[in-house]
């Protein structure tokens, strides 16, 4: 819906003032804030039009107006002036926090940096680990009990116990391990699973079952330790007046943090887009809370998008600060994780 310049200016002034102090904005205040030479009656008429269009609403206790999620959306998409961000100070702080540690630690630190800078909750969707192995070994422990030893390309070793229906001989176990290592070493277990279906028909059925059991156990072993979503600073949200006033909404938000499913879907969806994404109120359907927004950006490892990070806070957040903050953190995390 097209708004004329006058309506855009008033809506921008109203949203900015409301974000700054959280109080409904009246026409007299707007007259001063907008810089427009308009009579109070004209401003009231424009406000009435904006209200009919669903961009602002009047709380029943006040003559002033506040933005709706739809009003925030127009503001963010077309009216927002992103603040010049002090990149150097933030960059040095982040690089000191993000460098020289394991990937999981770097990701956890990125969530903490977002949380401490925004004073809201910082979230990072961790990279999907392809469960790649360099080689495997089968060790016969006793009748129908086999230890599967998995060695990753980086030299990490994982062990899994396999309970089998067949009592395999040591020679059969060596044969099966050699077949997998020679044909599939360096691939992910998911790729092996697909190829096994087509390539093992010529082998005996019990050998096929052993290899399939190894692939299933190996895939679990390589993904067991990875945390899908790292969340930092949830407690900050308890001190945000707009959210704390609505305990039902806050409880729903914390349930979502605990379950993580909807949050993961939302972050996963964000990783398929380029640049910063902003989900306001309930418009994503995955976070159906009108008083909550999430600002996200994808991050990369060696040029390939592998995950998303973001800030979760109230719809009344300083988007002009949070957007560049999320963008810069995504770039720094990409650099820290890339070789």
Protein backbone atom coordinates (compact mmCIF):
# COMPACT_ATOMS: atom_id res chain seq x y z
CA UNK A 1 0.00 0.00 0.00
CA UNK A 2 1.47 3.34 -1.08
CA UNK A 3 1.76 6.06 1.52
CA UNK A 4 2.31 9.67 0.51
CA UNK A 5 5.41 11.49 1.79
CA UNK A 6 3.47 13.19 4.56
CA UNK A 7 2.07 9.91 5.91
CA UNK A 8 5.50 8.23 5.62
CA UNK A 9 7.18 11.07 7.55
CA UNK A 10 4.61 10.94 10.35
CA UNK A 11 4.72 7.16 10.58
CA UNK A 12 8.54 7.21 10.71
CA UNK A 13 8.52 9.87 13.45
CA UNK A 14 5.90 7.96 15.44
CA UNK A 15 7.75 4.61 15.27
CA UNK A 16 11.10 6.18 16.15
CA UNK A 17 9.65 8.00 19.17
CA UNK A 18 7.78 4.91 20.36
CA UNK A 19 10.93 2.74 20.06
CA UNK A 20 12.85 5.36 22.02
CA UNK A 21 10.54 5.75 25.02
CA UNK A 22 7.74 3.16 24.80
CA UNK A 23 4.95 5.73 25.30
CA UNK A 24 1.99 6.23 22.91
CA UNK A 25 2.67 9.23 20.66
CA UNK A 26 0.13 12.04 20.37
CA UNK A 27 -0.44 14.48 17.50
CA UNK A 28 1.15 17.39 19.37
CA UNK A 29 4.40 15.48 19.88
CA UNK A 30 4.31 14.36 16.24
CA UNK A 31 3.96 17.94 15.10
CA UNK A 32 7.32 18.76 16.73
CA UNK A 33 9.08 15.49 15.85
CA UNK A 34 8.16 15.31 12.17
CA UNK A 35 9.39 18.79 11.22
CA UNK A 36 6.30 19.17 9.04
CA UNK A 37 4.43 22.47 9.04
CA UNK A 38 1.01 20.92 9.60
CA UNK A 39 -1.90 21.86 11.79
CA UNK A 40 -2.83 19.49 14.66
CA UNK A 41 -6.10 18.77 12.83
CA UNK A 42 -4.25 17.68 9.67
CA UNK A 43 -1.93 15.45 11.71
CA UNK A 44 -4.94 13.87 13.43
CA UNK A 45 -6.50 13.17 10.01
CA UNK A 46 -3.32 11.48 8.74
CA UNK A 47 -3.08 9.49 11.99
CA UNK A 48 -6.67 8.39 11.52
CA UNK A 49 -5.85 7.23 7.96
CA UNK A 50 -2.79 5.30 9.20
CA UNK A 51 -4.95 3.68 11.85
CA UNK A 52 -7.56 2.61 9.30
CA UNK A 53 -4.79 1.09 7.17
CA UNK A 54 -3.65 -0.97 10.17
CA UNK A 55 -0.23 0.69 10.66
CA UNK A 56 -0.90 2.23 14.08
CA UNK A 57 -3.37 1.63 16.86
CA UNK A 58 -4.65 3.61 19.83
CA UNK A 59 -4.33 1.82 23.19
CA UNK A 60 -7.63 2.16 25.02
CA UNK A 61 -6.01 4.08 27.87
CA UNK A 62 -4.37 6.77 25.76
CA UNK A 63 -5.08 9.37 23.12
CA UNK A 64 -1.70 8.62 21.53
CA UNK A 65 -0.91 5.89 19.01
CA UNK A 66 1.58 3.02 18.86
CA UNK A 67 2.80 1.02 15.84
CA UNK A 68 1.28 -2.35 14.92
CA UNK A 69 3.46 -5.20 13.56
CA UNK A 70 2.30 -4.06 10.12
CA UNK A 71 3.47 -0.51 10.90
CA UNK A 72 6.85 -1.82 12.03
CA UNK A 73 7.10 -3.79 8.78
CA UNK A 74 6.61 -0.68 6.63
CA UNK A 75 9.06 1.21 8.84
CA UNK A 76 11.75 -1.48 8.58
CA UNK A 77 11.28 -2.09 4.84
CA UNK A 78 11.03 1.49 3.56
CA UNK A 79 11.58 4.17 6.23
CA UNK A 80 14.39 2.93 8.46
CA UNK A 81 17.68 4.80 8.53
CA UNK A 82 20.29 2.26 9.65
CA UNK A 83 22.59 3.82 12.22
CA UNK A 84 26.28 4.25 11.49
CA UNK A 85 27.68 1.48 13.64
CA UNK A 86 31.04 1.76 15.40
CA UNK A 87 32.42 -1.29 13.62
CA UNK A 88 36.01 -0.96 14.82
CA UNK A 89 35.23 -1.06 18.55
CA UNK A 90 32.76 -3.90 18.13
CA UNK A 91 34.99 -5.75 15.67
CA UNK A 92 37.98 -5.77 18.02
CA UNK A 93 35.79 -7.00 20.86
CA UNK A 94 34.26 -9.74 18.72
CA UNK A 95 37.51 -10.87 17.14
CA UNK A 96 39.10 -11.19 20.56
CA UNK A 97 36.13 -13.30 21.63
CA UNK A 98 35.78 -15.34 18.46
CA UNK A 99 39.32 -16.19 17.43
CA UNK A 100 41.55 -19.14 18.28
CA UNK A 101 38.95 -21.51 19.68
CA UNK A 102 37.07 -24.64 18.58
CA UNK A 103 34.18 -24.06 16.12
CA UNK A 104 31.57 -24.90 18.78
CA UNK A 105 33.16 -22.46 21.24
CA UNK A 106 33.31 -19.74 18.56
CA UNK A 107 29.60 -20.25 17.82
CA UNK A 108 28.69 -20.11 21.53
CA UNK A 109 30.71 -16.92 21.89
CA UNK A 110 28.97 -15.35 18.88
CA UNK A 111 25.59 -15.92 20.57
CA UNK A 112 26.94 -14.35 23.76
CA UNK A 113 28.32 -11.33 21.88
CA UNK A 114 24.94 -10.74 20.19
CA UNK A 115 23.18 -11.05 23.54
CA UNK A 116 25.49 -8.67 25.40
CA UNK A 117 25.47 -6.06 22.62
CA UNK A 118 21.71 -6.08 22.08
CA UNK A 119 20.66 -6.81 25.69
CA UNK A 120 18.19 -9.31 24.21
CA UNK A 121 18.65 -13.02 23.33
CA UNK A 122 21.35 -14.05 20.85
CA UNK A 123 20.82 -17.23 18.80
CA UNK A 124 22.99 -19.19 16.39
CA UNK A 125 21.85 -22.14 14.27
CA UNK A 126 24.94 -24.37 14.19
CA UNK A 127 26.28 -25.79 10.92
CA UNK A 128 24.80 -29.05 9.85
CA UNK A 129 27.59 -31.55 10.33
CA UNK A 130 27.94 -33.90 7.44
CA UNK A 131 28.92 -37.10 9.19
CA UNK A 132 32.05 -37.71 7.09
CA UNK A 133 34.39 -40.53 8.12
CA UNK A 134 37.90 -41.43 6.97
CA UNK A 135 37.76 -45.09 7.93
CA UNK A 136 35.93 -47.56 10.13
CA UNK A 137 36.87 -50.75 11.92
CA UNK A 138 34.83 -53.62 13.36
CA UNK A 139 36.07 -55.33 16.55
CA UNK A 140 34.35 -58.56 17.65
CA UNK A 141 33.69 -58.27 21.40
CA UNK A 142 31.67 -61.46 21.82
CA UNK A 143 29.02 -63.43 20.02
CA UNK A 144 26.72 -60.95 18.18
CA UNK A 145 28.39 -57.93 19.86
CA UNK A 146 30.65 -55.76 17.72
CA UNK A 147 32.43 -52.49 18.47
CA UNK A 148 32.26 -50.04 15.57
CA UNK A 149 35.27 -47.67 15.55
CA UNK A 150 34.84 -44.54 13.40
CA UNK A 151 37.76 -42.27 12.54
CA UNK A 152 36.93 -38.79 11.18
CA UNK A 153 39.12 -36.95 8.62
CA UNK A 154 40.44 -34.82 11.50
CA UNK A 155 41.51 -37.90 13.49
CA UNK A 156 38.65 -37.87 16.03
CA UNK A 157 37.57 -41.36 17.10
CA UNK A 158 34.01 -42.41 17.98
CA UNK A 159 32.94 -45.85 19.19
CA UNK A 160 29.51 -47.45 18.94
CA UNK A 161 28.29 -50.87 20.06
CA UNK A 162 26.44 -52.93 17.44
CA UNK A 163 24.18 -55.81 18.49
CA UNK A 164 23.79 -58.14 15.51
CA UNK A 165 21.61 -61.12 14.66
CA UNK A 166 24.52 -62.93 13.03
CA UNK A 167 27.73 -64.08 14.70
CA UNK A 168 30.34 -62.64 12.30
CA UNK A 169 33.85 -64.07 12.16
CA UNK A 170 36.85 -61.72 12.49
CA UNK A 171 37.63 -62.37 8.82
CA UNK A 172 34.13 -61.26 7.77
CA UNK A 173 34.45 -58.10 9.85
CA UNK A 174 37.79 -57.24 8.21
CA UNK A 175 36.26 -57.88 4.79
CA UNK A 176 33.27 -55.60 5.50
CA UNK A 177 35.45 -52.81 6.93
CA UNK A 178 37.83 -52.99 3.96
CA UNK A 179 34.91 -52.82 1.52
CA UNK A 180 33.47 -49.70 3.20
CA UNK A 181 36.85 -47.97 3.59
CA UNK A 182 37.95 -48.62 0.00
CA UNK A 183 34.64 -47.64 -1.59
CA UNK A 184 33.25 -44.97 0.74
CA UNK A 185 36.07 -43.52 2.89
CA UNK A 186 35.85 -39.69 2.85
CA UNK A 187 32.08 -39.65 2.21
CA UNK A 188 29.30 -38.83 4.66
CA UNK A 189 27.25 -41.64 6.16
CA UNK A 190 24.18 -40.18 4.41
CA UNK A 191 25.88 -40.58 1.03
CA UNK A 192 26.96 -44.11 1.93
CA UNK A 193 23.38 -44.98 2.92
CA UNK A 194 22.12 -44.03 -0.56
CA UNK A 195 24.86 -45.91 -2.37
CA UNK A 196 24.54 -49.02 -0.22
CA UNK A 197 20.99 -49.51 -1.42
CA UNK A 198 22.18 -49.92 -5.01
CA UNK A 199 25.67 -51.35 -4.71
CA UNK A 200 25.41 -54.09 -2.10
CA UNK A 201 22.84 -56.32 -3.78
CA UNK A 202 25.65 -58.55 -4.99
CA UNK A 203 26.87 -59.17 -1.42
CA UNK A 204 25.35 -61.65 0.97
CA UNK A 205 22.33 -60.34 2.86
CA UNK A 206 23.89 -60.68 6.32
CA UNK A 207 26.91 -58.60 5.22
CA UNK A 208 24.55 -55.96 3.86
CA UNK A 209 22.75 -55.84 7.20
CA UNK A 210 26.04 -55.37 9.05
CA UNK A 211 27.06 -52.47 6.82
CA UNK A 212 23.67 -50.81 7.06
CA UNK A 213 23.78 -51.13 10.86
CA UNK A 214 27.25 -49.54 10.80
CA UNK A 215 26.01 -46.63 8.68
CA UNK A 216 23.05 -45.95 10.99
CA UNK A 217 25.21 -46.12 14.12
CA UNK A 218 27.96 -44.07 12.49
CA UNK A 219 25.57 -41.35 11.42
CA UNK A 220 24.25 -41.06 15.00
CA UNK A 221 27.74 -41.09 16.46
CA UNK A 222 28.90 -38.21 14.29
CA UNK A 223 25.92 -35.99 15.09
CA UNK A 224 25.27 -36.83 18.76
CA UNK A 225 27.49 -34.11 20.18
CA UNK A 226 26.33 -31.21 18.04
CA UNK A 227 23.91 -28.71 19.53
CA UNK A 228 21.44 -27.52 16.87
CA UNK A 229 20.70 -24.05 18.25
CA UNK A 230 22.82 -22.08 20.70
CA UNK A 231 20.82 -19.51 22.70
CA UNK A 232 22.38 -16.91 24.98
CA UNK A 233 20.83 -14.20 27.14
CA UNK A 234 17.24 -15.49 27.37
CA UNK A 235 17.09 -13.97 30.86
CA UNK A 236 17.56 -10.50 29.33
CA UNK A 237 14.02 -10.81 27.97
CA UNK A 238 12.63 -11.02 31.51
CA UNK A 239 13.73 -7.41 32.01
CA UNK A 240 12.19 -6.06 28.79
CA UNK A 241 9.11 -4.18 29.95
CA UNK A 242 7.05 -4.86 26.79
CA UNK A 243 7.56 -8.62 27.18
CA UNK A 244 7.55 -8.87 30.99
CA UNK A 245 4.11 -7.22 31.05
CA UNK A 246 2.69 -10.22 29.17
CA UNK A 247 3.70 -13.35 31.07
CA UNK A 248 1.66 -15.60 28.77
CA UNK A 249 3.62 -14.43 25.75
CA UNK A 250 6.92 -14.69 27.61
CA UNK A 251 6.09 -18.24 28.72
CA UNK A 252 5.33 -19.15 25.11
CA UNK A 253 8.67 -17.69 24.03
CA UNK A 254 10.58 -19.67 26.66
CA UNK A 255 8.72 -22.83 25.65
CA UNK A 256 9.92 -22.19 22.11
CA UNK A 257 13.50 -21.81 23.37
CA UNK A 258 13.16 -25.14 25.16
CA UNK A 259 11.59 -27.01 22.25
CA UNK A 260 13.74 -25.23 19.62
CA UNK A 261 11.80 -26.78 16.71
CA UNK A 262 10.03 -23.65 15.45
CA UNK A 263 13.12 -21.55 16.10
CA UNK A 264 15.26 -24.00 14.10
CA UNK A 265 12.78 -23.92 11.20
CA UNK A 266 12.79 -20.13 11.22
CA UNK A 267 16.59 -19.92 11.29
CA UNK A 268 16.86 -22.62 8.65
CA UNK A 269 14.46 -20.67 6.42
CA UNK A 270 16.60 -17.54 6.97
CA UNK A 271 19.75 -19.34 5.83
CA UNK A 272 18.18 -19.79 2.38
CA UNK A 273 17.89 -16.01 1.94
CA UNK A 274 20.66 -13.49 1.42
CA UNK A 275 21.49 -10.72 3.86
CA UNK A 276 19.64 -9.62 6.97
CA UNK A 277 16.06 -10.88 7.43
CA UNK A 278 13.60 -9.34 9.89
CA UNK A 279 10.55 -11.23 11.19
CA UNK A 280 8.15 -8.96 13.05
CA UNK A 281 5.44 -10.19 15.37
CA UNK A 282 3.57 -13.27 14.23
CA UNK A 283 4.23 -12.86 10.50
CA UNK A 284 6.61 -15.83 10.29
CA UNK A 285 4.00 -18.27 11.71
CA UNK A 286 6.94 -20.07 13.34
CA UNK A 287 7.17 -17.49 16.14
CA UNK A 288 3.52 -16.50 16.51
CA UNK A 289 3.97 -13.68 19.02
CA UNK A 290 2.96 -10.14 18.09
CA UNK A 291 5.25 -8.52 20.63
CA UNK A 292 8.42 -10.36 19.54
CA UNK A 293 10.75 -9.83 16.57
CA UNK A 294 13.83 -11.66 15.31
CA UNK A 295 16.61 -10.19 13.16
CA UNK A 296 18.72 -12.83 11.39
CA UNK A 297 21.62 -13.13 8.95
CA UNK A 298 23.26 -16.20 7.39
CA UNK A 299 26.93 -17.00 7.99
CA UNK A 300 29.37 -18.95 5.84
CA UNK A 301 32.31 -21.31 6.06
CA UNK A 302 34.69 -20.97 3.13
CA UNK A 303 32.06 -19.27 0.97
CA UNK A 304 29.21 -21.72 1.67
CA UNK A 305 26.25 -20.74 3.86
CA UNK A 306 26.11 -23.22 6.74
CA UNK A 307 23.91 -21.56 9.37
CA UNK A 308 22.14 -18.46 10.66
CA UNK A 309 22.49 -16.19 13.67
CA UNK A 310 20.24 -13.50 15.08
CA UNK A 311 18.76 -11.48 17.89
CA UNK A 312 15.36 -12.17 19.45
CA UNK A 313 13.74 -9.27 21.26
CA UNK A 314 10.61 -7.15 21.50
CA UNK A 315 9.02 -5.65 18.39
CA UNK A 316 9.94 -2.33 20.00
CA UNK A 317 13.66 -2.79 19.42
CA UNK A 318 16.17 -0.34 17.98
CA UNK A 319 16.27 -1.97 14.52
CA UNK A 320 18.69 0.68 13.24
CA UNK A 321 21.28 -0.67 15.76
CA UNK A 322 20.39 -4.35 15.79
CA UNK A 323 20.44 -4.82 11.98
CA UNK A 324 24.09 -3.76 11.46
CA UNK A 325 25.07 -5.56 14.68
CA UNK A 326 23.69 -8.87 13.36
CA UNK A 327 25.19 -8.26 9.91
CA UNK A 328 28.68 -7.55 11.28
CA UNK A 329 28.57 -10.53 13.67
CA UNK A 330 27.62 -12.85 10.78
CA UNK A 331 30.61 -11.61 8.76
CA UNK A 332 32.99 -11.97 11.71
CA UNK A 333 31.70 -15.46 12.52
CA UNK A 334 32.16 -16.43 8.85
CA UNK A 335 35.76 -15.21 8.98
CA UNK A 336 36.47 -16.96 12.28
CA UNK A 337 35.18 -20.31 11.01
CA UNK A 338 36.75 -20.18 7.53
CA UNK A 339 40.30 -21.29 6.79
